[in-house]
Amino acid sequence: EQVLEQVRGSYRRVDPDARVGRVTAVIADVDLVAVGEIKLDGFRIGDFVSVIDAGQNIIANGRVVAITADSLHVRYDKASAKRDPRDGDLAVATTLKR
């Protein structure tokens, strides 16, 4: 929880509208992650999201493919991913990328 809040603070200093959530589920065989603990209003299908590790290194980039009541579903680009995302990784959406 502390890492999530620290990363949120870092991104919001650069972009006050940045959103950071936690990867809560991964289905690697279809390149899909669920992202929770993130403010969902304003997201649209097709929005750009980066998956990062606790060191804020980009692991993968993807696009929102579904929005549920409590999470985003993001299909990531496996070909350019450094590794498959894992539960507990973070997901970032900034207005600079959207």
N, C-alpha and C. Protein backbone atom coordinates (compact mmCIF):
# COMPACT_ATOMS: atom_id res chain seq x y z
N GLU A 1 0.83 -1.21 0.00
CA GLU A 1 0.00 0.00 0.00
C GLU A 1 0.86 1.25 0.00
N GLN A 2 1.96 1.22 0.75
CA GLN A 2 2.84 2.38 0.84
C GLN A 2 3.49 2.67 -0.51
N VAL A 3 3.90 1.63 -1.22
CA VAL A 3 4.52 1.83 -2.54
C VAL A 3 3.51 2.46 -3.49
N LEU A 4 2.28 1.98 -3.48
CA LEU A 4 1.23 2.53 -4.35
C LEU A 4 1.06 4.03 -4.08
N GLU A 5 0.98 4.42 -2.83
CA GLU A 5 0.79 5.83 -2.49
C GLU A 5 2.01 6.68 -2.87
N GLN A 6 3.20 6.12 -2.70
CA GLN A 6 4.41 6.85 -3.09
C GLN A 6 4.45 7.08 -4.60
N VAL A 7 4.11 6.05 -5.37
CA VAL A 7 4.12 6.18 -6.82
C VAL A 7 3.04 7.15 -7.27
N ARG A 8 1.86 7.08 -6.67
CA ARG A 8 0.81 8.04 -6.99
C ARG A 8 1.30 9.47 -6.77
N GLY A 9 1.94 9.70 -5.65
CA GLY A 9 2.46 11.03 -5.36
C GLY A 9 3.48 11.49 -6.38
N SER A 10 4.37 10.60 -6.77
CA SER A 10 5.40 10.94 -7.77
C SER A 10 4.77 11.35 -9.09
N TYR A 11 3.81 10.57 -9.56
CA TYR A 11 3.18 10.87 -10.84
C TYR A 11 2.33 12.13 -10.77
N ARG A 12 1.64 12.34 -9.65
CA ARG A 12 0.76 13.51 -9.54
C ARG A 12 1.53 14.82 -9.42
N ARG A 13 2.79 14.76 -8.99
CA ARG A 13 3.59 15.98 -8.98
C ARG A 13 3.87 16.45 -10.40
N VAL A 14 3.97 15.52 -11.33
CA VAL A 14 4.21 15.85 -12.74
C VAL A 14 2.90 16.08 -13.49
N ASP A 15 1.90 15.25 -13.18
CA ASP A 15 0.60 15.31 -13.84
C ASP A 15 -0.48 15.13 -12.78
N PRO A 16 -1.12 16.23 -12.35
CA PRO A 16 -2.13 16.12 -11.29
C PRO A 16 -3.29 15.18 -11.61
N ASP A 17 -3.50 14.90 -12.90
CA ASP A 17 -4.59 14.00 -13.29
C ASP A 17 -4.14 12.56 -13.48
N ALA A 18 -2.88 12.27 -13.19
CA ALA A 18 -2.37 10.90 -13.35
C ALA A 18 -3.14 9.95 -12.43
N ARG A 19 -3.32 8.74 -12.91
CA ARG A 19 -4.00 7.72 -12.11
C ARG A 19 -3.11 6.50 -12.02
N VAL A 20 -2.99 6.00 -10.80
CA VAL A 20 -2.16 4.82 -10.56
C VAL A 20 -2.99 3.81 -9.79
N GLY A 21 -3.01 2.58 -10.27
CA GLY A 21 -3.73 1.50 -9.60
C GLY A 21 -2.85 0.27 -9.49
N ARG A 22 -3.42 -0.78 -8.95
CA ARG A 22 -2.68 -2.02 -8.73
C ARG A 22 -3.20 -3.12 -9.66
N VAL A 23 -2.29 -3.88 -10.25
CA VAL A 23 -2.68 -5.05 -11.03
C VAL A 23 -3.21 -6.09 -10.05
N THR A 24 -4.46 -6.49 -10.26
CA THR A 24 -5.11 -7.41 -9.33
C THR A 24 -5.31 -8.79 -9.90
N ALA A 25 -5.15 -8.94 -11.21
CA ALA A 25 -5.28 -10.25 -11.86
C ALA A 25 -4.58 -10.19 -13.20
N VAL A 26 -4.03 -11.33 -13.60
CA VAL A 26 -3.33 -11.44 -14.88
C VAL A 26 -3.79 -12.72 -15.57
N ILE A 27 -4.13 -12.58 -16.85
CA ILE A 27 -4.39 -13.75 -17.70
C ILE A 27 -3.39 -13.65 -18.84
N ALA A 28 -2.20 -14.21 -18.60
CA ALA A 28 -1.07 -14.02 -19.51
C ALA A 28 -1.30 -14.65 -20.88
N ASP A 29 -2.06 -15.73 -20.96
CA ASP A 29 -2.23 -16.38 -22.26
C ASP A 29 -3.09 -15.56 -23.22
N VAL A 30 -3.79 -14.55 -22.71
CA VAL A 30 -4.53 -13.62 -23.58
C VAL A 30 -4.08 -12.17 -23.38
N ASP A 31 -2.92 -12.00 -22.71
CA ASP A 31 -2.30 -10.67 -22.55
C ASP A 31 -3.23 -9.66 -21.90
N LEU A 32 -3.85 -10.06 -20.81
CA LEU A 32 -4.86 -9.23 -20.17
C LEU A 32 -4.56 -9.08 -18.69
N VAL A 33 -4.71 -7.85 -18.18
CA VAL A 33 -4.62 -7.61 -16.75
C VAL A 33 -5.85 -6.86 -16.27
N ALA A 34 -6.20 -7.09 -15.01
CA ALA A 34 -7.22 -6.29 -14.34
C ALA A 34 -6.50 -5.32 -13.43
N VAL A 35 -6.98 -4.08 -13.40
CA VAL A 35 -6.37 -3.03 -12.58
C VAL A 35 -7.44 -2.51 -11.63
N GLY A 36 -7.16 -2.62 -10.34
CA GLY A 36 -8.06 -2.12 -9.31
C GLY A 36 -7.40 -1.00 -8.52
N GLU A 37 -8.12 -0.54 -7.50
CA GLU A 37 -7.64 0.54 -6.64
C GLU A 37 -7.28 1.78 -7.46
N ILE A 38 -8.13 2.06 -8.45
CA ILE A 38 -7.90 3.19 -9.35
C ILE A 38 -9.23 3.90 -9.59
N LYS A 39 -9.19 5.21 -9.67
CA LYS A 39 -10.39 6.00 -9.94
C LYS A 39 -10.79 5.76 -11.40
N LEU A 40 -12.00 5.25 -11.60
CA LEU A 40 -12.42 4.80 -12.93
C LEU A 40 -13.10 5.87 -13.78
N ASP A 41 -13.69 6.87 -13.16
CA ASP A 41 -14.45 7.84 -13.96
C ASP A 41 -13.51 8.57 -14.93
N GLY A 42 -13.99 8.74 -16.12
CA GLY A 42 -13.21 9.41 -17.16
C GLY A 42 -12.43 8.48 -18.06
N PHE A 43 -12.26 7.23 -17.65
CA PHE A 43 -11.58 6.28 -18.54
C PHE A 43 -12.49 5.90 -19.69
N ARG A 44 -11.86 5.65 -20.84
CA ARG A 44 -12.59 5.20 -22.03
C ARG A 44 -11.88 3.99 -22.61
N ILE A 45 -12.64 3.18 -23.32
CA ILE A 45 -12.05 2.07 -24.06
C ILE A 45 -11.00 2.65 -25.00
N GLY A 46 -9.83 2.03 -25.03
CA GLY A 46 -8.76 2.49 -25.90
C GLY A 46 -7.73 3.38 -25.21
N ASP A 47 -8.02 3.83 -23.97
CA ASP A 47 -7.04 4.66 -23.26
C ASP A 47 -5.76 3.88 -23.03
N PHE A 48 -4.65 4.59 -23.06
CA PHE A 48 -3.31 4.03 -22.90
C PHE A 48 -2.98 3.86 -21.42
N VAL A 49 -2.41 2.71 -21.08
CA VAL A 49 -2.00 2.41 -19.70
C VAL A 49 -0.64 1.74 -19.74
N SER A 50 0.25 2.13 -18.84
CA SER A 50 1.54 1.46 -18.68
C SER A 50 1.51 0.63 -17.41
N VAL A 51 2.10 -0.55 -17.47
CA VAL A 51 2.27 -1.39 -16.29
C VAL A 51 3.72 -1.22 -15.85
N ILE A 52 3.91 -0.91 -14.56
CA ILE A 52 5.25 -0.67 -14.03
C ILE A 52 5.50 -1.55 -12.81
N ASP A 53 6.77 -1.73 -12.48
CA ASP A 53 7.11 -2.45 -11.26
C ASP A 53 7.28 -1.46 -10.11
N ALA A 54 7.62 -1.96 -8.94
CA ALA A 54 7.74 -1.10 -7.76
C ALA A 54 8.84 -0.06 -7.92
N GLY A 55 9.82 -0.33 -8.79
CA GLY A 55 10.88 0.63 -9.07
C GLY A 55 10.52 1.64 -10.13
N GLN A 56 9.26 1.61 -10.59
CA GLN A 56 8.71 2.50 -11.61
C GLN A 56 9.31 2.26 -13.00
N ASN A 57 9.79 1.06 -13.23
CA ASN A 57 10.27 0.67 -14.56
C ASN A 57 9.09 0.15 -15.37
N ILE A 58 8.96 0.59 -16.60
CA ILE A 58 7.86 0.14 -17.45
C ILE A 58 8.09 -1.32 -17.82
N ILE A 59 7.07 -2.13 -17.57
CA ILE A 59 7.10 -3.55 -17.90
C ILE A 59 6.38 -3.79 -19.22
N ALA A 60 5.22 -3.13 -19.37
CA ALA A 60 4.40 -3.34 -20.57
C ALA A 60 3.50 -2.13 -20.77
N ASN A 61 3.05 -1.96 -21.99
CA ASN A 61 2.07 -0.92 -22.33
C ASN A 61 0.86 -1.58 -22.92
N GLY A 62 -0.30 -0.97 -22.71
CA GLY A 62 -1.51 -1.55 -23.25
C GLY A 62 -2.62 -0.53 -23.37
N ARG A 63 -3.77 -1.04 -23.74
CA ARG A 63 -4.97 -0.22 -23.92
C ARG A 63 -6.13 -0.81 -23.13
N VAL A 64 -6.97 0.07 -22.61
CA VAL A 64 -8.17 -0.36 -21.89
C VAL A 64 -9.12 -1.03 -22.87
N VAL A 65 -9.55 -2.25 -22.53
CA VAL A 65 -10.50 -2.97 -23.39
C VAL A 65 -11.86 -3.15 -22.72
N ALA A 66 -11.92 -2.94 -21.40
CA ALA A 66 -13.21 -3.03 -20.68
C ALA A 66 -13.09 -2.26 -19.37
N ILE A 67 -14.23 -1.75 -18.93
CA ILE A 67 -14.32 -1.04 -17.66
C ILE A 67 -15.47 -1.65 -16.89
N THR A 68 -15.17 -2.20 -15.71
CA THR A 68 -16.22 -2.79 -14.87
C THR A 68 -16.53 -1.84 -13.73
N ALA A 69 -17.35 -2.29 -12.81
CA ALA A 69 -17.72 -1.44 -11.67
C ALA A 69 -16.53 -1.12 -10.77
N ASP A 70 -15.51 -1.98 -10.76
CA ASP A 70 -14.40 -1.75 -9.84
C ASP A 70 -13.01 -1.95 -10.44
N SER A 71 -12.93 -2.13 -11.77
CA SER A 71 -11.59 -2.31 -12.34
C SER A 71 -11.56 -1.98 -13.83
N LEU A 72 -10.33 -1.81 -14.29
CA LEU A 72 -10.06 -1.68 -15.73
C LEU A 72 -9.53 -3.01 -16.21
N HIS A 73 -9.86 -3.38 -17.43
CA HIS A 73 -9.24 -4.53 -18.07
C HIS A 73 -8.37 -3.97 -19.18
N VAL A 74 -7.10 -4.32 -19.15
CA VAL A 74 -6.12 -3.78 -20.07
C VAL A 74 -5.44 -4.91 -20.83
N ARG A 75 -5.47 -4.82 -22.16
CA ARG A 75 -4.73 -5.78 -22.99
C ARG A 75 -3.37 -5.15 -23.27
N TYR A 76 -2.33 -5.87 -22.86
CA TYR A 76 -0.98 -5.34 -23.02
C TYR A 76 -0.30 -5.94 -24.25
N ASP A 77 0.70 -5.24 -24.74
CA ASP A 77 1.45 -5.66 -25.92
C ASP A 77 2.57 -6.60 -25.47
N LYS A 78 2.32 -7.89 -25.60
CA LYS A 78 3.28 -8.89 -25.13
C LYS A 78 4.59 -8.82 -25.91
N ALA A 79 4.52 -8.48 -27.19
CA ALA A 79 5.73 -8.46 -28.02
C ALA A 79 6.75 -7.46 -27.51
N SER A 80 6.30 -6.35 -26.97
CA SER A 80 7.24 -5.33 -26.48
C SER A 80 7.39 -5.34 -24.96
N ALA A 81 6.69 -6.24 -24.28
CA ALA A 81 6.76 -6.30 -22.82
C ALA A 81 8.10 -6.85 -22.35
N LYS A 82 8.61 -6.30 -21.27
CA LYS A 82 9.85 -6.81 -20.68
C LYS A 82 9.61 -8.15 -20.00
N ARG A 83 8.41 -8.34 -19.48
CA ARG A 83 7.95 -9.59 -18.87
C ARG A 83 6.44 -9.50 -18.76
N ASP A 84 5.81 -10.61 -18.44
CA ASP A 84 4.38 -10.56 -18.18
C ASP A 84 4.14 -9.82 -16.87
N PRO A 85 3.12 -8.98 -16.83
CA PRO A 85 2.77 -8.33 -15.56
C PRO A 85 2.41 -9.39 -14.51
N ARG A 86 2.50 -8.99 -13.25
CA ARG A 86 2.17 -9.87 -12.12
C ARG A 86 1.22 -9.15 -11.19
N ASP A 87 0.46 -9.95 -10.42
CA ASP A 87 -0.35 -9.35 -9.36
C ASP A 87 0.55 -8.49 -8.51
N GLY A 88 0.10 -7.28 -8.20
CA GLY A 88 0.86 -6.38 -7.36
C GLY A 88 1.67 -5.35 -8.13
N ASP A 89 1.92 -5.60 -9.44
CA ASP A 89 2.53 -4.54 -10.24
C ASP A 89 1.57 -3.36 -10.25
N LEU A 90 2.04 -2.23 -10.72
CA LEU A 90 1.20 -1.03 -10.77
C LEU A 90 0.86 -0.68 -12.21
N ALA A 91 -0.24 0.02 -12.38
CA ALA A 91 -0.66 0.49 -13.70
C ALA A 91 -0.84 2.00 -13.63
N VAL A 92 -0.36 2.69 -14.67
CA VAL A 92 -0.35 4.15 -14.67
C VAL A 92 -1.01 4.66 -15.95
N ALA A 93 -1.88 5.64 -15.77
CA ALA A 93 -2.46 6.35 -16.91
C ALA A 93 -2.26 7.83 -16.64
N THR A 94 -1.61 8.51 -17.57
CA THR A 94 -1.40 9.94 -17.43
C THR A 94 -2.10 10.66 -18.56
N THR A 95 -2.43 11.90 -18.32
CA THR A 95 -3.07 12.69 -19.38
C THR A 95 -2.04 13.00 -20.47
N LEU A 96 -0.75 12.86 -20.15
CA LEU A 96 0.29 13.09 -21.14
C LEU A 96 0.29 12.00 -22.20
N LYS A 97 -0.20 10.80 -21.85
CA LYS A 97 -0.18 9.65 -22.77
C LYS A 97 -1.55 9.37 -23.36
N ARG A 98 -2.62 9.88 -22.76
CA ARG A 98 -3.96 9.48 -23.15
C ARG A 98 -4.48 10.23 -24.32
